[in-house]
């Protein structure tokens, strides 16, 4: 079982709640953790490697924002195209 996996010198950070089954009768729940086992430099953590469950909220939000911006952009393009084409008359 691999828990809190990261490269030596990096730190592991997870804001989301994680549940890890250690045995049949023992379960460990973690939330908002920042860990580093080796290669500290000074009093600061190394480069942060975040857990995958933290990305489950961010990716859909970013996707929705991109889709909304595309729809707004296409709407503006169509409106401007209609206004420019109405200024010209066919011969």
PDB file of N, CA and C in Angstrom:
ATOM      1  N   UNK A   1       0.845  -1.173   0.000  1.00  0.00           N
ATOM      2  CA  UNK A   1       0.000   0.000   0.000  1.00  0.00           C
ATOM      3  C   UNK A   1       0.895   1.242   0.000  1.00  0.00           C
ATOM      4  N   UNK A   2       0.633   2.153  -0.924  1.00  0.00           N
ATOM      5  CA  UNK A   2       1.388   3.407  -1.003  1.00  0.00           C
ATOM      6  C   UNK A   2       0.509   4.541  -0.487  1.00  0.00           C
ATOM      7  N   UNK A   3       1.064   5.294   0.460  1.00  0.00           N
ATOM      8  CA  UNK A   3       0.347   6.446   1.000  1.00  0.00           C
ATOM      9  C   UNK A   3       1.260   7.658   0.911  1.00  0.00           C
ATOM     10  N   UNK A   4       0.696   8.792   0.598  1.00  0.00           N
ATOM     11  CA  UNK A   4       1.430  10.058   0.583  1.00  0.00           C
ATOM     12  C   UNK A   4       2.674   9.966  -0.307  1.00  0.00           C
ATOM     13  N   UNK A   5       2.513   9.435  -1.500  1.00  0.00           N
ATOM     14  CA  UNK A   5       3.643   9.178  -2.396  1.00  0.00           C
ATOM     15  C   UNK A   5       4.140  10.469  -3.044  1.00  0.00           C
ATOM     16  N   UNK A   6       5.457  10.678  -3.000  1.00  0.00           N
ATOM     17  CA  UNK A   6       6.090  11.831  -3.629  1.00  0.00           C
ATOM     18  C   UNK A   6       7.574  11.547  -3.832  1.00  0.00           C
ATOM     19  N   UNK A   7       8.237  12.373  -4.578  1.00  0.00           N
ATOM     20  CA  UNK A   7       9.662  12.226  -4.869  1.00  0.00           C
ATOM     21  C   UNK A   7      10.468  12.731  -3.672  1.00  0.00           C
ATOM     22  N   UNK A   8      11.652  12.172  -3.461  1.00  0.00           N
ATOM     23  CA  UNK A   8      12.524  12.630  -2.377  1.00  0.00           C
ATOM     24  C   UNK A   8      12.858  14.103  -2.592  1.00  0.00           C
ATOM     25  N   UNK A   9      12.708  14.901  -1.554  1.00  0.00           N
ATOM     26  CA  UNK A   9      12.944  16.334  -1.648  1.00  0.00           C
ATOM     27  C   UNK A   9      11.685  17.139  -1.894  1.00  0.00           C
ATOM     28  N   UNK A  10      10.611  16.469  -2.316  1.00  0.00           N
ATOM     29  CA  UNK A  10       9.318  17.130  -2.519  1.00  0.00           C
ATOM     30  C   UNK A  10       8.459  16.927  -1.279  1.00  0.00           C
ATOM     31  N   UNK A  11       7.388  17.679  -1.186  1.00  0.00           N
ATOM     32  CA  UNK A  11       6.433  17.503  -0.091  1.00  0.00           C
ATOM     33  C   UNK A  11       5.093  17.058  -0.662  1.00  0.00           C
ATOM     34  N   UNK A  12       4.284  16.444   0.176  1.00  0.00           N
ATOM     35  CA  UNK A  12       2.958  15.963  -0.213  1.00  0.00           C
ATOM     36  C   UNK A  12       1.924  16.818   0.497  1.00  0.00           C
ATOM     37  N   UNK A  13       0.962  17.332  -0.275  1.00  0.00           N
ATOM     38  CA  UNK A  13      -0.078  18.178   0.305  1.00  0.00           C
ATOM     39  C   UNK A  13      -1.439  17.697  -0.177  1.00  0.00           C
ATOM     40  N   UNK A  14      -2.382  17.615   0.743  1.00  0.00           N
ATOM     41  CA  UNK A  14      -3.738  17.206   0.383  1.00  0.00           C
ATOM     42  C   UNK A  14      -4.728  17.935   1.283  1.00  0.00           C
ATOM     43  N   UNK A  15      -5.570  18.752   0.685  1.00  0.00           N
ATOM     44  CA  UNK A  15      -6.584  19.497   1.428  1.00  0.00           C
ATOM     45  C   UNK A  15      -7.829  18.633   1.621  1.00  0.00           C
ATOM     46  N   UNK A  16      -8.146  17.802   0.640  1.00  0.00           N
ATOM     47  CA  UNK A  16      -9.339  16.957   0.689  1.00  0.00           C
ATOM     48  C   UNK A  16      -9.213  15.897   1.782  1.00  0.00           C
ATOM     49  N   UNK A  17     -10.356  15.401   2.208  1.00  0.00           N
ATOM     50  CA  UNK A  17     -10.356  14.318   3.187  1.00  0.00           C
ATOM     51  C   UNK A  17     -10.017  13.013   2.493  1.00  0.00           C
ATOM     52  N   UNK A  18      -9.090  12.255   3.077  1.00  0.00           N
ATOM     53  CA  UNK A  18      -8.727  10.943   2.560  1.00  0.00           C
ATOM     54  C   UNK A  18      -8.950   9.915   3.652  1.00  0.00           C
ATOM     55  N   UNK A  19      -9.412   8.740   3.257  1.00  0.00           N
ATOM     56  CA  UNK A  19      -9.636   7.655   4.200  1.00  0.00           C
ATOM     57  C   UNK A  19      -8.761   6.484   3.786  1.00  0.00           C
ATOM     58  N   UNK A  20      -7.941   5.997   4.711  1.00  0.00           N
ATOM     59  CA  UNK A  20      -7.004   4.917   4.417  1.00  0.00           C
ATOM     60  C   UNK A  20      -7.295   3.764   5.366  1.00  0.00           C
ATOM     61  N   UNK A  21      -7.614   2.597   4.791  1.00  0.00           N
ATOM     62  CA  UNK A  21      -7.907   1.410   5.594  1.00  0.00           C
ATOM     63  C   UNK A  21      -6.584   0.738   5.934  1.00  0.00           C
ATOM     64  N   UNK A  22      -6.186   0.787   7.205  1.00  0.00           N
ATOM     65  CA  UNK A  22      -4.917   0.210   7.638  1.00  0.00           C
ATOM     66  C   UNK A  22      -5.056  -1.268   7.992  1.00  0.00           C
ATOM     67  N   UNK A  23      -6.186  -1.660   8.533  1.00  0.00           N
ATOM     68  CA  UNK A  23      -6.485  -3.063   8.817  1.00  0.00           C
ATOM     69  C   UNK A  23      -8.002  -3.208   8.863  1.00  0.00           C
ATOM     70  N   UNK A  24      -8.471  -4.397   9.202  1.00  0.00           N
ATOM     71  CA  UNK A  24      -9.918  -4.628   9.239  1.00  0.00           C
ATOM     72  C   UNK A  24     -10.609  -3.757  10.294  1.00  0.00           C
ATOM     73  N   UNK A  25      -9.899  -3.460  11.383  1.00  0.00           N
ATOM     74  CA  UNK A  25     -10.492  -2.679  12.460  1.00  0.00           C
ATOM     75  C   UNK A  25      -9.940  -1.261  12.567  1.00  0.00           C
ATOM     76  N   UNK A  26      -9.028  -0.887  11.702  1.00  0.00           N
ATOM     77  CA  UNK A  26      -8.376   0.415  11.845  1.00  0.00           C
ATOM     78  C   UNK A  26      -8.411   1.203  10.537  1.00  0.00           C
ATOM     79  N   UNK A  27      -8.959   2.396  10.621  1.00  0.00           N
ATOM     80  CA  UNK A  27      -9.046   3.287   9.465  1.00  0.00           C
ATOM     81  C   UNK A  27      -8.489   4.649   9.876  1.00  0.00           C
ATOM     82  N   UNK A  28      -7.670   5.246   8.998  1.00  0.00           N
ATOM     83  CA  UNK A  28      -7.100   6.556   9.285  1.00  0.00           C
ATOM     84  C   UNK A  28      -7.687   7.572   8.308  1.00  0.00           C
ATOM     85  N   UNK A  29      -8.194   8.673   8.850  1.00  0.00           N
ATOM     86  CA  UNK A  29      -8.728   9.753   8.022  1.00  0.00           C
ATOM     87  C   UNK A  29      -7.812  10.954   8.159  1.00  0.00           C
ATOM     88  N   UNK A  30      -7.463  11.544   7.034  1.00  0.00           N
ATOM     89  CA  UNK A  30      -6.615  12.736   7.043  1.00  0.00           C
ATOM     90  C   UNK A  30      -7.328  13.848   6.297  1.00  0.00           C
ATOM     91  N   UNK A  31      -7.016  15.071   6.669  1.00  0.00           N
ATOM     92  CA  UNK A  31      -7.607  16.232   6.012  1.00  0.00           C
ATOM     93  C   UNK A  31      -6.670  17.412   6.199  1.00  0.00           C
ATOM     94  N   UNK A  32      -6.424  18.151   5.127  1.00  0.00           N
ATOM     95  CA  UNK A  32      -5.581  19.341   5.166  1.00  0.00           C
ATOM     96  C   UNK A  32      -4.192  19.032   5.732  1.00  0.00           C
ATOM     97  N   UNK A  33      -3.480  18.099   5.056  1.00  0.00           N
ATOM     98  CA  UNK A  33      -2.146  17.718   5.519  1.00  0.00           C
ATOM     99  C   UNK A  33      -1.074  18.228   4.570  1.00  0.00           C
ATOM    100  N   UNK A  34       0.109  18.444   5.108  1.00  0.00           N
ATOM    101  CA  UNK A  34       1.284  18.840   4.330  1.00  0.00           C
ATOM    102  C   UNK A  34       2.461  18.117   4.971  1.00  0.00           C
ATOM    103  N   UNK A  35       3.029  17.130   4.259  1.00  0.00           N
ATOM    104  CA  UNK A  35       4.056  16.257   4.820  1.00  0.00           C
ATOM    105  C   UNK A  35       5.309  16.261   3.959  1.00  0.00           C
ATOM    106  N   UNK A  36       6.456  16.073   4.618  1.00  0.00           N
ATOM    107  CA  UNK A  36       7.712  15.846   3.909  1.00  0.00           C
ATOM    108  C   UNK A  36       8.605  15.036   4.831  1.00  0.00           C
ATOM    109  N   UNK A  37       9.119  13.920   4.322  1.00  0.00           N
ATOM    110  CA  UNK A  37       9.903  13.024   5.165  1.00  0.00           C
ATOM    111  C   UNK A  37      11.402  13.298   5.092  1.00  0.00           C
ATOM    112  N   UNK A  38      11.918  13.634   3.920  1.00  0.00           N
ATOM    113  CA  UNK A  38      13.364  13.722   3.741  1.00  0.00           C
ATOM    114  C   UNK A  38      13.764  15.009   3.033  1.00  0.00           C
ATOM    115  N   UNK A  39      15.047  15.339   3.143  1.00  0.00           N
ATOM    116  CA  UNK A  39      15.700  16.434   2.416  1.00  0.00           C
ATOM    117  C   UNK A  39      15.048  17.794   2.631  1.00  0.00           C
ATOM    118  N   UNK A  40      14.915  18.174   3.879  1.00  0.00           N
ATOM    119  CA  UNK A  40      14.469  19.531   4.189  1.00  0.00           C
ATOM    120  C   UNK A  40      15.612  20.499   3.947  1.00  0.00           C
ATOM    121  N   UNK A  41      15.294  21.665   3.432  1.00  0.00           N
ATOM    122  CA  UNK A  41      16.277  22.736   3.320  1.00  0.00           C
ATOM    123  C   UNK A  41      15.764  23.897   4.150  1.00  0.00           C
ATOM    124  N   UNK A  42      16.392  24.123   5.279  1.00  0.00           N
ATOM    125  CA  UNK A  42      15.916  25.176   6.171  1.00  0.00           C
ATOM    126  C   UNK A  42      14.641  24.738   6.862  1.00  0.00           C
ATOM    127  N   UNK A  43      13.743  25.678   7.037  1.00  0.00           N
ATOM    128  CA  UNK A  43      12.474  25.401   7.711  1.00  0.00           C
ATOM    129  C   UNK A  43      11.302  25.298   6.744  1.00  0.00           C
ATOM    130  N   UNK A  44      11.568  25.183   5.453  1.00  0.00           N
ATOM    131  CA  UNK A  44      10.475  25.197   4.479  1.00  0.00           C
ATOM    132  C   UNK A  44      10.319  23.834   3.813  1.00  0.00           C
ATOM    133  N   UNK A  45       9.108  23.593   3.339  1.00  0.00           N
ATOM    134  CA  UNK A  45       8.815  22.374   2.595  1.00  0.00           C
ATOM    135  C   UNK A  45       9.421  22.453   1.203  1.00  0.00           C
ATOM    136  N   UNK A  46       9.613  21.288   0.579  1.00  0.00           N
ATOM    137  CA  UNK A  46      10.080  21.237  -0.803  1.00  0.00           C
ATOM    138  C   UNK A  46       8.942  21.511  -1.771  1.00  0.00           C
ATOM    139  N   UNK A  47       9.192  21.267  -3.050  1.00  0.00           N
ATOM    140  CA  UNK A  47       8.178  21.447  -4.098  1.00  0.00           C
ATOM    141  C   UNK A  47       6.954  20.601  -3.750  1.00  0.00           C
ATOM    142  N   UNK A  48       5.780  21.179  -3.901  1.00  0.00           N
ATOM    143  CA  UNK A  48       4.537  20.522  -3.479  1.00  0.00           C
ATOM    144  C   UNK A  48       4.017  19.595  -4.572  1.00  0.00           C
ATOM    145  N   UNK A  49       3.721  18.348  -4.201  1.00  0.00           N
ATOM    146  CA  UNK A  49       2.992  17.402  -5.036  1.00  0.00           C
ATOM    147  C   UNK A  49       1.631  17.227  -4.378  1.00  0.00           C
ATOM    148  N   UNK A  50       0.558  17.613  -5.089  1.00  0.00           N
ATOM    149  CA  UNK A  50      -0.781  17.558  -4.501  1.00  0.00           C
ATOM    150  C   UNK A  50      -1.463  16.236  -4.812  1.00  0.00           C
ATOM    151  N   UNK A  51      -2.373  15.838  -3.948  1.00  0.00           N
ATOM    152  CA  UNK A  51      -3.112  14.595  -4.149  1.00  0.00           C
ATOM    153  C   UNK A  51      -4.147  14.771  -5.262  1.00  0.00           C
ATOM    154  N   UNK A  52      -4.515  13.665  -5.883  1.00  0.00           N
ATOM    155  CA  UNK A  52      -5.455  13.716  -7.010  1.00  0.00           C
ATOM    156  C   UNK A  52      -6.842  14.179  -6.598  1.00  0.00           C
ATOM    157  N   UNK A  53      -7.257  13.879  -5.388  1.00  0.00           N
ATOM    158  CA  UNK A  53      -8.611  14.264  -4.977  1.00  0.00           C
ATOM    159  C   UNK A  53      -8.777  15.772  -4.862  1.00  0.00           C
ATOM    160  N   UNK A  54      -7.680  16.529  -4.735  1.00  0.00           N
ATOM    161  CA  UNK A  54      -7.788  17.992  -4.730  1.00  0.00           C
ATOM    162  C   UNK A  54      -8.128  18.530  -6.115  1.00  0.00           C
ATOM    163  N   UNK A  55      -7.801  17.797  -7.163  1.00  0.00           N
ATOM    164  CA  UNK A  55      -8.067  18.250  -8.525  1.00  0.00           C
ATOM    165  C   UNK A  55      -9.488  17.958  -8.978  1.00  0.00           C
ATOM    166  N   UNK A  56     -10.232  17.140  -8.257  1.00  0.00           N
ATOM    167  CA  UNK A  56     -11.587  16.788  -8.686  1.00  0.00           C
ATOM    168  C   UNK A  56     -12.531  17.974  -8.628  1.00  0.00           C
ATOM    169  N   UNK A  57     -12.213  18.984  -7.863  1.00  0.00           N
ATOM    170  CA  UNK A  57     -13.044  20.188  -7.790  1.00  0.00           C
ATOM    171  C   UNK A  57     -12.550  21.232  -8.782  1.00  0.00           C
ATOM    172  N   UNK A  58     -11.262  21.368  -8.914  1.00  0.00           N
ATOM    173  CA  UNK A  58     -10.671  22.425  -9.735  1.00  0.00           C
ATOM    174  C   UNK A  58     -10.920  22.190 -11.219  1.00  0.00           C
ATOM    175  N   UNK A  59     -10.722  20.978 -11.708  1.00  0.00           N
ATOM    176  CA  UNK A  59     -10.845  20.714 -13.144  1.00  0.00           C
ATOM    177  C   UNK A  59     -12.246  20.978 -13.696  1.00  0.00           C
ATOM    178  N   UNK A  60     -13.318  20.524 -13.061  1.00  0.00           N
ATOM    179  CA  UNK A  60     -14.644  20.853 -13.599  1.00  0.00           C
ATOM    180  C   UNK A  60     -14.933  22.352 -13.611  1.00  0.00           C
ATOM    181  N   UNK A  61     -14.483  23.063 -12.597  1.00  0.00           N
ATOM    182  CA  UNK A  61     -14.710  24.513 -12.546  1.00  0.00           C
ATOM    183  C   UNK A  61     -13.975  25.197 -13.691  1.00  0.00           C
ATOM    184  N   UNK A  62     -12.723  24.816 -13.926  1.00  0.00           N
ATOM    185  CA  UNK A  62     -11.954  25.390 -15.036  1.00  0.00           C
ATOM    186  C   UNK A  62     -12.616  25.040 -16.364  1.00  0.00           C
ATOM    187  N   UNK A  63     -13.084  23.807 -16.509  1.00  0.00           N
ATOM    188  CA  UNK A  63     -13.766  23.397 -17.730  1.00  0.00           C
ATOM    189  C   UNK A  63     -15.021  24.207 -17.999  1.00  0.00           C
ATOM    190  N   UNK A  64     -15.809  24.441 -16.974  1.00  0.00           N
ATOM    191  CA  UNK A  64     -17.034  25.235 -17.121  1.00  0.00           C
ATOM    192  C   UNK A  64     -16.699  26.668 -17.517  1.00  0.00           C
ATOM    193  N   UNK A  65     -15.674  27.242 -16.916  1.00  0.00           N
ATOM    194  CA  UNK A  65     -15.268  28.610 -17.255  1.00  0.00           C
ATOM    195  C   UNK A  65     -14.837  28.696 -18.711  1.00  0.00           C
ATOM    196  N   UNK A  66     -14.073  27.717 -19.187  1.00  0.00           N
ATOM    197  CA  UNK A  66     -13.622  27.718 -20.583  1.00  0.00           C
ATOM    198  C   UNK A  66     -14.814  27.612 -21.530  1.00  0.00           C
ATOM    199  N   UNK A  67     -15.771  26.744 -21.226  1.00  0.00           N
ATOM    200  CA  UNK A  67     -16.950  26.586 -22.086  1.00  0.00           C
ATOM    201  C   UNK A  67     -17.760  27.879 -22.127  1.00  0.00           C
ATOM    202  N   UNK A  68     -17.967  28.509 -20.979  1.00  0.00           N
ATOM    203  CA  UNK A  68     -18.727  29.767 -20.931  1.00  0.00           C
ATOM    204  C   UNK A  68     -18.026  30.847 -21.745  1.00  0.00           C
ATOM    205  N   UNK A  69     -16.709  30.957 -21.617  1.00  0.00           N
ATOM    206  CA  UNK A  69     -15.965  31.953 -22.397  1.00  0.00           C
ATOM    207  C   UNK A  69     -16.068  31.688 -23.896  1.00  0.00           C
ATOM    208  N   UNK A  70     -16.036  30.421 -24.304  1.00  0.00           N
ATOM    209  CA  UNK A  70     -16.188  30.085 -25.731  1.00  0.00           C
ATOM    210  C   UNK A  70     -17.574  30.467 -26.245  1.00  0.00           C
ATOM    211  N   UNK A  71     -18.610  30.179 -25.468  1.00  0.00           N
ATOM    212  CA  UNK A  71     -19.979  30.519 -25.880  1.00  0.00           C
ATOM    213  C   UNK A  71     -20.139  32.031 -25.988  1.00  0.00           C
ATOM    214  N   UNK A  72     -19.619  32.775 -25.024  1.00  0.00           N
ATOM    215  CA  UNK A  72     -19.692  34.238 -25.067  1.00  0.00           C
ATOM    216  C   UNK A  72     -18.919  34.766 -26.271  1.00  0.00           C
ATOM    217  N   UNK A  73     -17.741  34.219 -26.526  1.00  0.00           N
ATOM    218  CA  UNK A  73     -16.943  34.643 -27.679  1.00  0.00           C
ATOM    219  C   UNK A  73     -17.654  34.387 -28.996  1.00  0.00           C
ATOM    220  N   UNK A  74     -18.271  33.214 -29.141  1.00  0.00           N
ATOM    221  CA  UNK A  74     -19.021  32.912 -30.366  1.00  0.00           C
ATOM    222  C   UNK A  74     -20.229  33.834 -30.516  1.00  0.00           C
ATOM    223  N   UNK A  75     -20.896  34.132 -29.417  1.00  0.00           N
ATOM    224  CA  UNK A  75     -22.041  35.051 -29.470  1.00  0.00           C
ATOM    225  C   UNK A  75     -21.628  36.437 -29.927  1.00  0.00           C
ATOM    226  N   UNK A  76     -20.538  36.950 -29.386  1.00  0.00           N
ATOM    227  CA  UNK A  76     -20.034  38.268 -29.794  1.00  0.00           C
ATOM    228  C   UNK A  76     -19.622  38.254 -31.258  1.00  0.00           C
ATOM    229  N   UNK A  77     -18.987  37.183 -31.695  1.00  0.00           N
ATOM    230  CA  UNK A  77     -18.574  37.064 -33.102  1.00  0.00           C
ATOM    231  C   UNK A  77     -19.793  37.102 -34.024  1.00  0.00           C
ATOM    232  N   UNK A  78     -20.837  36.353 -33.695  1.00  0.00           N
ATOM    233  CA  UNK A  78     -22.044  36.320 -34.536  1.00  0.00           C
ATOM    234  C   UNK A  78     -22.729  37.687 -34.583  1.00  0.00           C
ATOM    235  N   UNK A  79     -22.812  38.371 -33.446  1.00  0.00           N
ATOM    236  CA  UNK A  79     -23.447  39.695 -33.409  1.00  0.00           C
ATOM    237  C   UNK A  79     -22.669  40.683 -34.269  1.00  0.00           C
ATOM    238  N   UNK A  80     -21.360  40.687 -34.155  1.00  0.00           N
ATOM    239  CA  UNK A  80     -20.538  41.613 -34.951  1.00  0.00           C
ATOM    240  C   UNK A  80     -20.621  41.269 -36.441  1.00  0.00           C
ATOM    241  N   UNK A  81     -20.703  39.988 -36.756  1.00  0.00           N
ATOM    242  CA  UNK A  81     -20.792  39.569 -38.157  1.00  0.00           C
ATOM    243  C   UNK A  81     -22.109  40.052 -38.775  1.00  0.00           C
ATOM    244  N   UNK A  82     -23.213  39.983 -38.030  1.00  0.00           N
ATOM    245  CA  UNK A  82     -24.501  40.451 -38.536  1.00  0.00           C
ATOM    246  C   UNK A  82     -24.490  41.955 -38.761  1.00  0.00           C
ATOM    247  N   UNK A  83     -23.909  42.700 -37.841  1.00  0.00           N
ATOM    248  CA  UNK A  83     -23.872  44.156 -37.976  1.00  0.00           C
ATOM    249  C   UNK A  83     -23.023  44.580 -39.167  1.00  0.00           C
ATOM    250  N   UNK A  84     -21.901  43.920 -39.389  1.00  0.00           N
ATOM    251  CA  UNK A  84     -21.038  44.281 -40.513  1.00  0.00           C
ATOM    252  C   UNK A  84     -21.677  43.901 -41.838  1.00  0.00           C
ATOM    253  N   UNK A  85     -22.364  42.760 -41.888  1.00  0.00           N
ATOM    254  CA  UNK A  85     -22.966  42.338 -43.151  1.00  0.00           C
ATOM    255  C   UNK A  85     -24.203  43.165 -43.492  1.00  0.00           C
ATOM    256  N   UNK A  86     -24.877  43.756 -42.507  1.00  0.00           N
ATOM    257  CA  UNK A  86     -26.056  44.569 -42.802  1.00  0.00           C
ATOM    258  C   UNK A  86     -25.660  45.927 -43.386  1.00  0.00           C
ATOM    259  N   UNK A  87     -24.431  46.349 -43.227  1.00  0.00           N
ATOM    260  CA  UNK A  87     -23.972  47.629 -43.778  1.00  0.00           C
ATOM    261  C   UNK A  87     -23.733  47.533 -45.282  1.00  0.00           C
ATOM    262  N   UNK A  88     -23.490  46.345 -45.770  1.00  0.00           N
ATOM    263  CA  UNK A  88     -23.254  46.160 -47.205  1.00  0.00           C
ATOM    264  C   UNK A  88     -24.544  45.737 -47.887  1.00  0.00           C
ATOM    265  N   UNK A  89     -24.720  46.193 -49.145  1.00  0.00           N
ATOM    266  CA  UNK A  89     -25.896  45.801 -49.909  1.00  0.00           C
ATOM    267  C   UNK A  89     -25.450  44.969 -51.095  1.00  0.00           C
ATOM    268  N   UNK A  90     -26.249  43.980 -51.425  1.00  0.00           N
ATOM    269  CA  UNK A  90     -25.930  43.141 -52.579  1.00  0.00           C
ATOM    270  C   UNK A  90     -26.251  43.872 -53.871  1.00  0.00           C
ATOM    271  N   UNK A  91     -25.451  43.613 -54.865  1.00  0.00           N
ATOM    272  CA  UNK A  91     -25.669  44.252 -56.170  1.00  0.00           C
ATOM    273  C   UNK A  91     -26.383  43.294 -57.080  1.00  0.00           C
TER     274      UNK A  91
END
